[in-house]
Amino acid sequence: MHKDTAVYYCAVRRGPRSIVTSTSD
């Protein structure tokens, strides 16, 4: 979709998965 327009980045996760689903960044 048009809203998918963006720069896409990949990165290494160093913290737990729980951070991804938390309200923090």
mmCIF file of all heavy atoms, coordinates in Angstrom:
data_MODEL
# 
_entry.id   MODEL 
# 
loop_
_atom_site.group_PDB 
_atom_site.id 
_atom_site.type_symbol 
_atom_site.label_atom_id 
_atom_site.label_alt_id 
_atom_site.label_comp_id 
_atom_site.label_asym_id 
_atom_site.label_entity_id 
_atom_site.label_seq_id 
_atom_site.pdbx_PDB_ins_code 
_atom_site.Cartn_x 
_atom_site.Cartn_y 
_atom_site.Cartn_z 
_atom_site.occupancy 
_atom_site.B_iso_or_equiv 
_atom_site.pdbx_formal_charge 
_atom_site.auth_seq_id 
_atom_site.auth_comp_id 
_atom_site.auth_asym_id 
_atom_site.auth_atom_id 
_atom_site.pdbx_PDB_model_num 
ATOM 1   N N   . MET A 1 1  ? 0.832  -1.182  0.000  1.00 0.00 ? 1  MET A N   1 
ATOM 2   C CA  . MET A 1 1  ? 0.000  0.000   0.000  1.00 0.00 ? 1  MET A CA  1 
ATOM 3   C C   . MET A 1 1  ? 0.874  1.241   0.000  1.00 0.00 ? 1  MET A C   1 
ATOM 4   O O   . MET A 1 1  ? 2.049  1.187   0.361  1.00 0.00 ? 1  MET A O   1 
ATOM 5   C CB  . MET A 1 1  ? -0.917 0.017   1.229  1.00 0.00 ? 1  MET A CB  1 
ATOM 6   C CG  . MET A 1 1  ? -1.742 -1.231  1.422  1.00 0.00 ? 1  MET A CG  1 
ATOM 7   S SD  . MET A 1 1  ? -2.645 -1.197  2.986  1.00 0.00 ? 1  MET A SD  1 
ATOM 8   C CE  . MET A 1 1  ? -3.417 -2.813  2.945  1.00 0.00 ? 1  MET A CE  1 
ATOM 9   N N   . HIS A 1 2  ? 0.274  2.353   -0.367 1.00 0.00 ? 2  HIS A N   1 
ATOM 10  C CA  . HIS A 1 2  ? 1.027  3.586   -0.408 1.00 0.00 ? 2  HIS A CA  1 
ATOM 11  C C   . HIS A 1 2  ? 1.639  3.912   0.949  1.00 0.00 ? 2  HIS A C   1 
ATOM 12  O O   . HIS A 1 2  ? 2.743  4.446   1.032  1.00 0.00 ? 2  HIS A O   1 
ATOM 13  C CB  . HIS A 1 2  ? 0.137  4.736   -0.871 1.00 0.00 ? 2  HIS A CB  1 
ATOM 14  C CG  . HIS A 1 2  ? 0.846  6.046   -0.943 1.00 0.00 ? 2  HIS A CG  1 
ATOM 15  N ND1 . HIS A 1 2  ? 1.847  6.312   -1.848 1.00 0.00 ? 2  HIS A ND1 1 
ATOM 16  C CD2 . HIS A 1 2  ? 0.711  7.179   -0.199 1.00 0.00 ? 2  HIS A CD2 1 
ATOM 17  C CE1 . HIS A 1 2  ? 2.298  7.534   -1.684 1.00 0.00 ? 2  HIS A CE1 1 
ATOM 18  N NE2 . HIS A 1 2  ? 1.623  8.086   -0.686 1.00 0.00 ? 2  HIS A NE2 1 
ATOM 19  N N   . LYS A 1 3  ? 0.938  3.568   2.020  1.00 0.00 ? 3  LYS A N   1 
ATOM 20  C CA  . LYS A 1 3  ? 1.433  3.855   3.355  1.00 0.00 ? 3  LYS A CA  1 
ATOM 21  C C   . LYS A 1 3  ? 2.666  3.043   3.721  1.00 0.00 ? 3  LYS A C   1 
ATOM 22  O O   . LYS A 1 3  ? 3.317  3.317   4.723  1.00 0.00 ? 3  LYS A O   1 
ATOM 23  C CB  . LYS A 1 3  ? 0.341  3.626   4.400  1.00 0.00 ? 3  LYS A CB  1 
ATOM 24  C CG  . LYS A 1 3  ? -0.112 2.179   4.532  1.00 0.00 ? 3  LYS A CG  1 
ATOM 25  C CD  . LYS A 1 3  ? -1.201 2.037   5.583  1.00 0.00 ? 3  LYS A CD  1 
ATOM 26  C CE  . LYS A 1 3  ? -1.648 0.598   5.743  1.00 0.00 ? 3  LYS A CE  1 
ATOM 27  N NZ  . LYS A 1 3  ? -2.722 0.475   6.770  1.00 0.00 ? 3  LYS A NZ  1 
ATOM 28  N N   . ASP A 1 4  ? 2.973  2.030   2.930  1.00 0.00 ? 4  ASP A N   1 
ATOM 29  C CA  . ASP A 1 4  ? 4.176  1.245   3.160  1.00 0.00 ? 4  ASP A CA  1 
ATOM 30  C C   . ASP A 1 4  ? 5.426  1.933   2.636  1.00 0.00 ? 4  ASP A C   1 
ATOM 31  O O   . ASP A 1 4  ? 6.536  1.436   2.844  1.00 0.00 ? 4  ASP A O   1 
ATOM 32  C CB  . ASP A 1 4  ? 4.046  -0.133  2.513  1.00 0.00 ? 4  ASP A CB  1 
ATOM 33  C CG  . ASP A 1 4  ? 2.954  -0.981  3.148  1.00 0.00 ? 4  ASP A CG  1 
ATOM 34  O OD1 . ASP A 1 4  ? 2.834  -0.972  4.393  1.00 0.00 ? 4  ASP A OD1 1 
ATOM 35  O OD2 . ASP A 1 4  ? 2.214  -1.650  2.396  1.00 0.00 ? 4  ASP A OD2 1 
ATOM 36  N N   . THR A 1 5  ? 5.251  3.033   1.953  1.00 0.00 ? 5  THR A N   1 
ATOM 37  C CA  . THR A 1 5  ? 6.389  3.777   1.442  1.00 0.00 ? 5  THR A CA  1 
ATOM 38  C C   . THR A 1 5  ? 7.248  4.274   2.599  1.00 0.00 ? 5  THR A C   1 
ATOM 39  O O   . THR A 1 5  ? 6.768  4.978   3.484  1.00 0.00 ? 5  THR A O   1 
ATOM 40  C CB  . THR A 1 5  ? 5.920  4.958   0.592  1.00 0.00 ? 5  THR A CB  1 
ATOM 41  O OG1 . THR A 1 5  ? 5.240  4.477   -0.574 1.00 0.00 ? 5  THR A OG1 1 
ATOM 42  C CG2 . THR A 1 5  ? 7.099  5.807   0.149  1.00 0.00 ? 5  THR A CG2 1 
ATOM 43  N N   . ALA A 1 6  ? 8.509  3.902   2.586  1.00 0.00 ? 6  ALA A N   1 
ATOM 44  C CA  . ALA A 1 6  ? 9.414  4.257   3.672  1.00 0.00 ? 6  ALA A CA  1 
ATOM 45  C C   . ALA A 1 6  ? 10.810 3.758   3.334  1.00 0.00 ? 6  ALA A C   1 
ATOM 46  O O   . ALA A 1 6  ? 11.002 2.999   2.381  1.00 0.00 ? 6  ALA A O   1 
ATOM 47  C CB  . ALA A 1 6  ? 8.949  3.647   4.999  1.00 0.00 ? 6  ALA A CB  1 
ATOM 48  N N   . VAL A 1 7  ? 11.755 4.193   4.125  1.00 0.00 ? 7  VAL A N   1 
ATOM 49  C CA  . VAL A 1 7  ? 13.077 3.592   4.109  1.00 0.00 ? 7  VAL A CA  1 
ATOM 50  C C   . VAL A 1 7  ? 13.054 2.433   5.087  1.00 0.00 ? 7  VAL A C   1 
ATOM 51  O O   . VAL A 1 7  ? 12.675 2.599   6.251  1.00 0.00 ? 7  VAL A O   1 
ATOM 52  C CB  . VAL A 1 7  ? 14.174 4.598   4.486  1.00 0.00 ? 7  VAL A CB  1 
ATOM 53  C CG1 . VAL A 1 7  ? 15.536 3.909   4.519  1.00 0.00 ? 7  VAL A CG1 1 
ATOM 54  C CG2 . VAL A 1 7  ? 14.198 5.755   3.506  1.00 0.00 ? 7  VAL A CG2 1 
ATOM 55  N N   . TYR A 1 8  ? 13.446 1.279   4.629  1.00 0.00 ? 8  TYR A N   1 
ATOM 56  C CA  . TYR A 1 8  ? 13.419 0.081   5.446  1.00 0.00 ? 8  TYR A CA  1 
ATOM 57  C C   . TYR A 1 8  ? 14.825 -0.255  5.923  1.00 0.00 ? 8  TYR A C   1 
ATOM 58  O O   . TYR A 1 8  ? 15.772 -0.275  5.134  1.00 0.00 ? 8  TYR A O   1 
ATOM 59  C CB  . TYR A 1 8  ? 12.832 -1.095  4.661  1.00 0.00 ? 8  TYR A CB  1 
ATOM 60  C CG  . TYR A 1 8  ? 11.333 -1.012  4.521  1.00 0.00 ? 8  TYR A CG  1 
ATOM 61  C CD1 . TYR A 1 8  ? 10.748 -0.056  3.702  1.00 0.00 ? 8  TYR A CD1 1 
ATOM 62  C CD2 . TYR A 1 8  ? 10.499 -1.881  5.226  1.00 0.00 ? 8  TYR A CD2 1 
ATOM 63  C CE1 . TYR A 1 8  ? 9.372  0.039   3.586  1.00 0.00 ? 8  TYR A CE1 1 
ATOM 64  C CE2 . TYR A 1 8  ? 9.119  -1.797  5.110  1.00 0.00 ? 8  TYR A CE2 1 
ATOM 65  C CZ  . TYR A 1 8  ? 8.565  -0.836  4.284  1.00 0.00 ? 8  TYR A CZ  1 
ATOM 66  O OH  . TYR A 1 8  ? 7.193  -0.759  4.174  1.00 0.00 ? 8  TYR A OH  1 
ATOM 67  N N   . TYR A 1 9  ? 14.933 -0.523  7.205  1.00 0.00 ? 9  TYR A N   1 
ATOM 68  C CA  . TYR A 1 9  ? 16.201 -0.827  7.839  1.00 0.00 ? 9  TYR A CA  1 
ATOM 69  C C   . TYR A 1 9  ? 16.151 -2.194  8.500  1.00 0.00 ? 9  TYR A C   1 
ATOM 70  O O   . TYR A 1 9  ? 15.116 -2.604  9.012  1.00 0.00 ? 9  TYR A O   1 
ATOM 71  C CB  . TYR A 1 9  ? 16.535 0.200   8.923  1.00 0.00 ? 9  TYR A CB  1 
ATOM 72  C CG  . TYR A 1 9  ? 16.613 1.629   8.463  1.00 0.00 ? 9  TYR A CG  1 
ATOM 73  C CD1 . TYR A 1 9  ? 15.484 2.436   8.433  1.00 0.00 ? 9  TYR A CD1 1 
ATOM 74  C CD2 . TYR A 1 9  ? 17.829 2.191   8.093  1.00 0.00 ? 9  TYR A CD2 1 
ATOM 75  C CE1 . TYR A 1 9  ? 15.554 3.753   8.028  1.00 0.00 ? 9  TYR A CE1 1 
ATOM 76  C CE2 . TYR A 1 9  ? 17.909 3.505   7.691  1.00 0.00 ? 9  TYR A CE2 1 
ATOM 77  C CZ  . TYR A 1 9  ? 16.769 4.284   7.662  1.00 0.00 ? 9  TYR A CZ  1 
ATOM 78  O OH  . TYR A 1 9  ? 16.846 5.594   7.270  1.00 0.00 ? 9  TYR A OH  1 
ATOM 79  N N   . CYS A 1 10 ? 17.267 -2.862  8.524  1.00 0.00 ? 10 CYS A N   1 
ATOM 80  C CA  . CYS A 1 10 ? 17.397 -4.043  9.349  1.00 0.00 ? 10 CYS A CA  1 
ATOM 81  C C   . CYS A 1 10 ? 18.412 -3.764  10.444 1.00 0.00 ? 10 CYS A C   1 
ATOM 82  O O   . CYS A 1 10 ? 19.246 -2.862  10.332 1.00 0.00 ? 10 CYS A O   1 
ATOM 83  C CB  . CYS A 1 10 ? 17.796 -5.280  8.534  1.00 0.00 ? 10 CYS A CB  1 
ATOM 84  S SG  . CYS A 1 10 ? 19.404 -5.194  7.725  1.00 0.00 ? 10 CYS A SG  1 
ATOM 85  N N   . ALA A 1 11 ? 18.329 -4.525  11.505 1.00 0.00 ? 11 ALA A N   1 
ATOM 86  C CA  . ALA A 1 11 ? 19.203 -4.318  12.647 1.00 0.00 ? 11 ALA A CA  1 
ATOM 87  C C   . ALA A 1 11 ? 19.292 -5.595  13.461 1.00 0.00 ? 11 ALA A C   1 
ATOM 88  O O   . ALA A 1 11 ? 18.448 -6.485  13.356 1.00 0.00 ? 11 ALA A O   1 
ATOM 89  C CB  . ALA A 1 11 ? 18.690 -3.168  13.517 1.00 0.00 ? 11 ALA A CB  1 
ATOM 90  N N   . VAL A 1 12 ? 20.317 -5.654  14.274 1.00 0.00 ? 12 VAL A N   1 
ATOM 91  C CA  . VAL A 1 12 ? 20.528 -6.777  15.175 1.00 0.00 ? 12 VAL A CA  1 
ATOM 92  C C   . VAL A 1 12 ? 19.837 -6.481  16.491 1.00 0.00 ? 12 VAL A C   1 
ATOM 93  O O   . VAL A 1 12 ? 19.998 -5.405  17.062 1.00 0.00 ? 12 VAL A O   1 
ATOM 94  C CB  . VAL A 1 12 ? 22.026 -7.029  15.405 1.00 0.00 ? 12 VAL A CB  1 
ATOM 95  C CG1 . VAL A 1 12 ? 22.232 -8.138  16.433 1.00 0.00 ? 12 VAL A CG1 1 
ATOM 96  C CG2 . VAL A 1 12 ? 22.722 -7.377  14.098 1.00 0.00 ? 12 VAL A CG2 1 
ATOM 97  N N   . ARG A 1 13 ? 19.077 -7.421  16.970 1.00 0.00 ? 13 ARG A N   1 
ATOM 98  C CA  . ARG A 1 13 ? 18.442 -7.254  18.267 1.00 0.00 ? 13 ARG A CA  1 
ATOM 99  C C   . ARG A 1 13 ? 19.359 -7.729  19.372 1.00 0.00 ? 13 ARG A C   1 
ATOM 100 O O   . ARG A 1 13 ? 19.825 -8.872  19.361 1.00 0.00 ? 13 ARG A O   1 
ATOM 101 C CB  . ARG A 1 13 ? 17.099 -7.988  18.312 1.00 0.00 ? 13 ARG A CB  1 
ATOM 102 C CG  . ARG A 1 13 ? 16.445 -7.954  19.698 1.00 0.00 ? 13 ARG A CG  1 
ATOM 103 C CD  . ARG A 1 13 ? 14.946 -8.189  19.663 1.00 0.00 ? 13 ARG A CD  1 
ATOM 104 N NE  . ARG A 1 13 ? 14.569 -9.459  19.069 1.00 0.00 ? 13 ARG A NE  1 
ATOM 105 C CZ  . ARG A 1 13 ? 14.566 -10.628 19.695 1.00 0.00 ? 13 ARG A CZ  1 
ATOM 106 N NH1 . ARG A 1 13 ? 14.959 -10.699 20.964 1.00 0.00 ? 13 ARG A NH1 1 
ATOM 107 N NH2 . ARG A 1 13 ? 14.177 -11.722 19.063 1.00 0.00 ? 13 ARG A NH2 1 
ATOM 108 N N   . ARG A 1 14 ? 19.618 -6.850  20.316 1.00 0.00 ? 14 ARG A N   1 
ATOM 109 C CA  . ARG A 1 14 ? 20.461 -7.157  21.468 1.00 0.00 ? 14 ARG A CA  1 
ATOM 110 C C   . ARG A 1 14 ? 19.663 -7.365  22.742 1.00 0.00 ? 14 ARG A C   1 
ATOM 111 O O   . ARG A 1 14 ? 20.164 -7.976  23.681 1.00 0.00 ? 14 ARG A O   1 
ATOM 112 C CB  . ARG A 1 14 ? 21.473 -6.033  21.682 1.00 0.00 ? 14 ARG A CB  1 
ATOM 113 C CG  . ARG A 1 14 ? 22.336 -5.723  20.472 1.00 0.00 ? 14 ARG A CG  1 
ATOM 114 C CD  . ARG A 1 14 ? 23.255 -6.879  20.112 1.00 0.00 ? 14 ARG A CD  1 
ATOM 115 N NE  . ARG A 1 14 ? 24.176 -6.511  19.049 1.00 0.00 ? 14 ARG A NE  1 
ATOM 116 C CZ  . ARG A 1 14 ? 25.094 -7.309  18.536 1.00 0.00 ? 14 ARG A CZ  1 
ATOM 117 N NH1 . ARG A 1 14 ? 25.228 -8.553  19.018 1.00 0.00 ? 14 ARG A NH1 1 
ATOM 118 N NH2 . ARG A 1 14 ? 25.881 -6.879  17.559 1.00 0.00 ? 14 ARG A NH2 1 
ATOM 119 N N   . GLY A 1 15 ? 18.472 -6.852  22.765 1.00 0.00 ? 15 GLY A N   1 
ATOM 120 C CA  . GLY A 1 15 ? 17.611 -6.993  23.925 1.00 0.00 ? 15 GLY A CA  1 
ATOM 121 C C   . GLY A 1 15 ? 16.567 -8.068  23.709 1.00 0.00 ? 15 GLY A C   1 
ATOM 122 O O   . GLY A 1 15 ? 16.508 -8.711  22.661 1.00 0.00 ? 15 GLY A O   1 
ATOM 123 N N   . PRO A 1 16 ? 15.721 -8.252  24.682 1.00 0.00 ? 16 PRO A N   1 
ATOM 124 C CA  . PRO A 1 16 ? 14.696 -9.297  24.585 1.00 0.00 ? 16 PRO A CA  1 
ATOM 125 C C   . PRO A 1 16 ? 13.571 -8.909  23.649 1.00 0.00 ? 16 PRO A C   1 
ATOM 126 O O   . PRO A 1 16 ? 13.321 -7.733  23.390 1.00 0.00 ? 16 PRO A O   1 
ATOM 127 C CB  . PRO A 1 16 ? 14.196 -9.424  26.031 1.00 0.00 ? 16 PRO A CB  1 
ATOM 128 C CG  . PRO A 1 16 ? 14.417 -8.065  26.614 1.00 0.00 ? 16 PRO A CG  1 
ATOM 129 C CD  . PRO A 1 16 ? 15.692 -7.562  25.987 1.00 0.00 ? 16 PRO A CD  1 
ATOM 130 N N   . ARG A 1 17 ? 12.872 -9.905  23.172 1.00 0.00 ? 17 ARG A N   1 
ATOM 131 C CA  . ARG A 1 17 ? 11.733 -9.700  22.286 1.00 0.00 ? 17 ARG A CA  1 
ATOM 132 C C   . ARG A 1 17 ? 10.661 -8.853  22.959 1.00 0.00 ? 17 ARG A C   1 
ATOM 133 O O   . ARG A 1 17 ? 9.943  -8.111  22.287 1.00 0.00 ? 17 ARG A O   1 
ATOM 134 C CB  . ARG A 1 17 ? 11.178 -11.046 21.859 1.00 0.00 ? 17 ARG A CB  1 
ATOM 135 C CG  . ARG A 1 17 ? 9.809  -11.015 21.170 1.00 0.00 ? 17 ARG A CG  1 
ATOM 136 C CD  . ARG A 1 17 ? 9.867  -10.451 19.747 1.00 0.00 ? 17 ARG A CD  1 
ATOM 137 N NE  . ARG A 1 17 ? 10.601 -11.326 18.836 1.00 0.00 ? 17 ARG A NE  1 
ATOM 138 C CZ  . ARG A 1 17 ? 10.116 -12.443 18.310 1.00 0.00 ? 17 ARG A CZ  1 
ATOM 139 N NH1 . ARG A 1 17 ? 8.876  -12.846 18.615 1.00 0.00 ? 17 ARG A NH1 1 
ATOM 140 N NH2 . ARG A 1 17 ? 10.856 -13.164 17.484 1.00 0.00 ? 17 ARG A NH2 1 
ATOM 141 N N   . SER A 1 18 ? 10.565 -8.959  24.270 1.00 0.00 ? 18 SER A N   1 
ATOM 142 C CA  . SER A 1 18 ? 9.531  -8.232  24.989 1.00 0.00 ? 18 SER A CA  1 
ATOM 143 C C   . SER A 1 18 ? 9.611  -6.727  24.764 1.00 0.00 ? 18 SER A C   1 
ATOM 144 O O   . SER A 1 18 ? 8.592  -6.032  24.818 1.00 0.00 ? 18 SER A O   1 
ATOM 145 C CB  . SER A 1 18 ? 9.591  -8.544  26.483 1.00 0.00 ? 18 SER A CB  1 
ATOM 146 O OG  . SER A 1 18 ? 10.846 -8.172  27.027 1.00 0.00 ? 18 SER A OG  1 
ATOM 147 N N   . ILE A 1 19 ? 10.804 -6.212  24.510 1.00 0.00 ? 19 ILE A N   1 
ATOM 148 C CA  . ILE A 1 19 ? 10.943 -4.787  24.248 1.00 0.00 ? 19 ILE A CA  1 
ATOM 149 C C   . ILE A 1 19 ? 10.220 -4.391  22.967 1.00 0.00 ? 19 ILE A C   1 
ATOM 150 O O   . ILE A 1 19 ? 9.660  -3.299  22.861 1.00 0.00 ? 19 ILE A O   1 
ATOM 151 C CB  . ILE A 1 19 ? 12.429 -4.386  24.181 1.00 0.00 ? 19 ILE A CB  1 
ATOM 152 C CG1 . ILE A 1 19 ? 13.094 -4.598  25.546 1.00 0.00 ? 19 ILE A CG1 1 
ATOM 153 C CG2 . ILE A 1 19 ? 12.579 -2.944  23.716 1.00 0.00 ? 19 ILE A CG2 1 
ATOM 154 C CD1 . ILE A 1 19 ? 14.561 -4.242  25.578 1.00 0.00 ? 19 ILE A CD1 1 
ATOM 155 N N   . VAL A 1 20 ? 10.235 -5.296  22.008 1.00 0.00 ? 20 VAL A N   1 
ATOM 156 C CA  . VAL A 1 20 ? 9.607  -5.004  20.724 1.00 0.00 ? 20 VAL A CA  1 
ATOM 157 C C   . VAL A 1 20 ? 8.116  -4.781  20.886 1.00 0.00 ? 20 VAL A C   1 
ATOM 158 O O   . VAL A 1 20 ? 7.522  -3.938  20.208 1.00 0.00 ? 20 VAL A O   1 
ATOM 159 C CB  . VAL A 1 20 ? 9.882  -6.141  19.724 1.00 0.00 ? 20 VAL A CB  1 
ATOM 160 C CG1 . VAL A 1 20 ? 9.227  -5.853  18.381 1.00 0.00 ? 20 VAL A CG1 1 
ATOM 161 C CG2 . VAL A 1 20 ? 11.376 -6.355  19.562 1.00 0.00 ? 20 VAL A CG2 1 
ATOM 162 N N   . THR A 1 21 ? 7.507  -5.522  21.778 1.00 0.00 ? 21 THR A N   1 
ATOM 163 C CA  . THR A 1 21 ? 6.062  -5.452  21.967 1.00 0.00 ? 21 THR A CA  1 
ATOM 164 C C   . THR A 1 21 ? 5.656  -4.521  23.089 1.00 0.00 ? 21 THR A C   1 
ATOM 165 O O   . THR A 1 21 ? 4.464  -4.411  23.384 1.00 0.00 ? 21 THR A O   1 
ATOM 166 C CB  . THR A 1 21 ? 5.494  -6.850  22.236 1.00 0.00 ? 21 THR A CB  1 
ATOM 167 O OG1 . THR A 1 21 ? 6.092  -7.398  23.418 1.00 0.00 ? 21 THR A OG1 1 
ATOM 168 C CG2 . THR A 1 21 ? 5.785  -7.785  21.068 1.00 0.00 ? 21 THR A CG2 1 
ATOM 169 N N   . SER A 1 22 ? 6.611  -3.856  23.717 1.00 0.00 ? 22 SER A N   1 
ATOM 170 C CA  . SER A 1 22 ? 6.309  -2.952  24.810 1.00 0.00 ? 22 SER A CA  1 
ATOM 171 C C   . SER A 1 22 ? 5.944  -1.574  24.273 1.00 0.00 ? 22 SER A C   1 
ATOM 172 O O   . SER A 1 22 ? 6.034  -1.291  23.085 1.00 0.00 ? 22 SER A O   1 
ATOM 173 C CB  . SER A 1 22 ? 7.494  -2.849  25.767 1.00 0.00 ? 22 SER A CB  1 
ATOM 174 O OG  . SER A 1 22 ? 8.562  -2.133  25.175 1.00 0.00 ? 22 SER A OG  1 
ATOM 175 N N   . THR A 1 23 ? 5.532  -0.717  25.176 1.00 0.00 ? 23 THR A N   1 
ATOM 176 C CA  . THR A 1 23 ? 5.183  0.647   24.796 1.00 0.00 ? 23 THR A CA  1 
ATOM 177 C C   . THR A 1 23 ? 6.408  1.528   24.603 1.00 0.00 ? 23 THR A C   1 
ATOM 178 O O   . THR A 1 23 ? 6.299  2.628   24.049 1.00 0.00 ? 23 THR A O   1 
ATOM 179 C CB  . THR A 1 23 ? 4.268  1.279   25.844 1.00 0.00 ? 23 THR A CB  1 
ATOM 180 O OG1 . THR A 1 23 ? 4.911  1.252   27.126 1.00 0.00 ? 23 THR A OG1 1 
ATOM 181 C CG2 . THR A 1 23 ? 2.950  0.523   25.935 1.00 0.00 ? 23 THR A CG2 1 
ATOM 182 N N   . SER A 1 24 ? 7.554  1.063   25.066 1.00 0.00 ? 24 SER A N   1 
ATOM 183 C CA  . SER A 1 24 ? 8.773  1.811   24.852 1.00 0.00 ? 24 SER A CA  1 
ATOM 184 C C   . SER A 1 24 ? 9.217  1.671   23.406 1.00 0.00 ? 24 SER A C   1 
ATOM 185 O O   . SER A 1 24 ? 8.693  0.872   22.645 1.00 0.00 ? 24 SER A O   1 
ATOM 186 C CB  . SER A 1 24 ? 9.868  1.346   25.809 1.00 0.00 ? 24 SER A CB  1 
ATOM 187 O OG  . SER A 1 24 ? 10.179 -0.017  25.581 1.00 0.00 ? 24 SER A OG  1 
ATOM 188 N N   . ASP A 1 25 ? 10.203 2.434   23.034 1.00 0.00 ? 25 ASP A N   1 
ATOM 189 C CA  . ASP A 1 25 ? 10.698 2.439   21.661 1.00 0.00 ? 25 ASP A CA  1 
ATOM 190 C C   . ASP A 1 25 ? 11.379 1.112   21.363 1.00 0.00 ? 25 ASP A C   1 
ATOM 191 O O   . ASP A 1 25 ? 12.430 0.814   21.926 1.00 0.00 ? 25 ASP A O   1 
ATOM 192 C CB  . ASP A 1 25 ? 11.660 3.606   21.477 1.00 0.00 ? 25 ASP A CB  1 
ATOM 193 C CG  . ASP A 1 25 ? 12.125 3.754   20.042 1.00 0.00 ? 25 ASP A CG  1 
ATOM 194 O OD1 . ASP A 1 25 ? 11.702 2.970   19.175 1.00 0.00 ? 25 ASP A OD1 1 
ATOM 195 O OD2 . ASP A 1 25 ? 12.919 4.678   19.786 1.00 0.00 ? 25 ASP A OD2 1 
# 
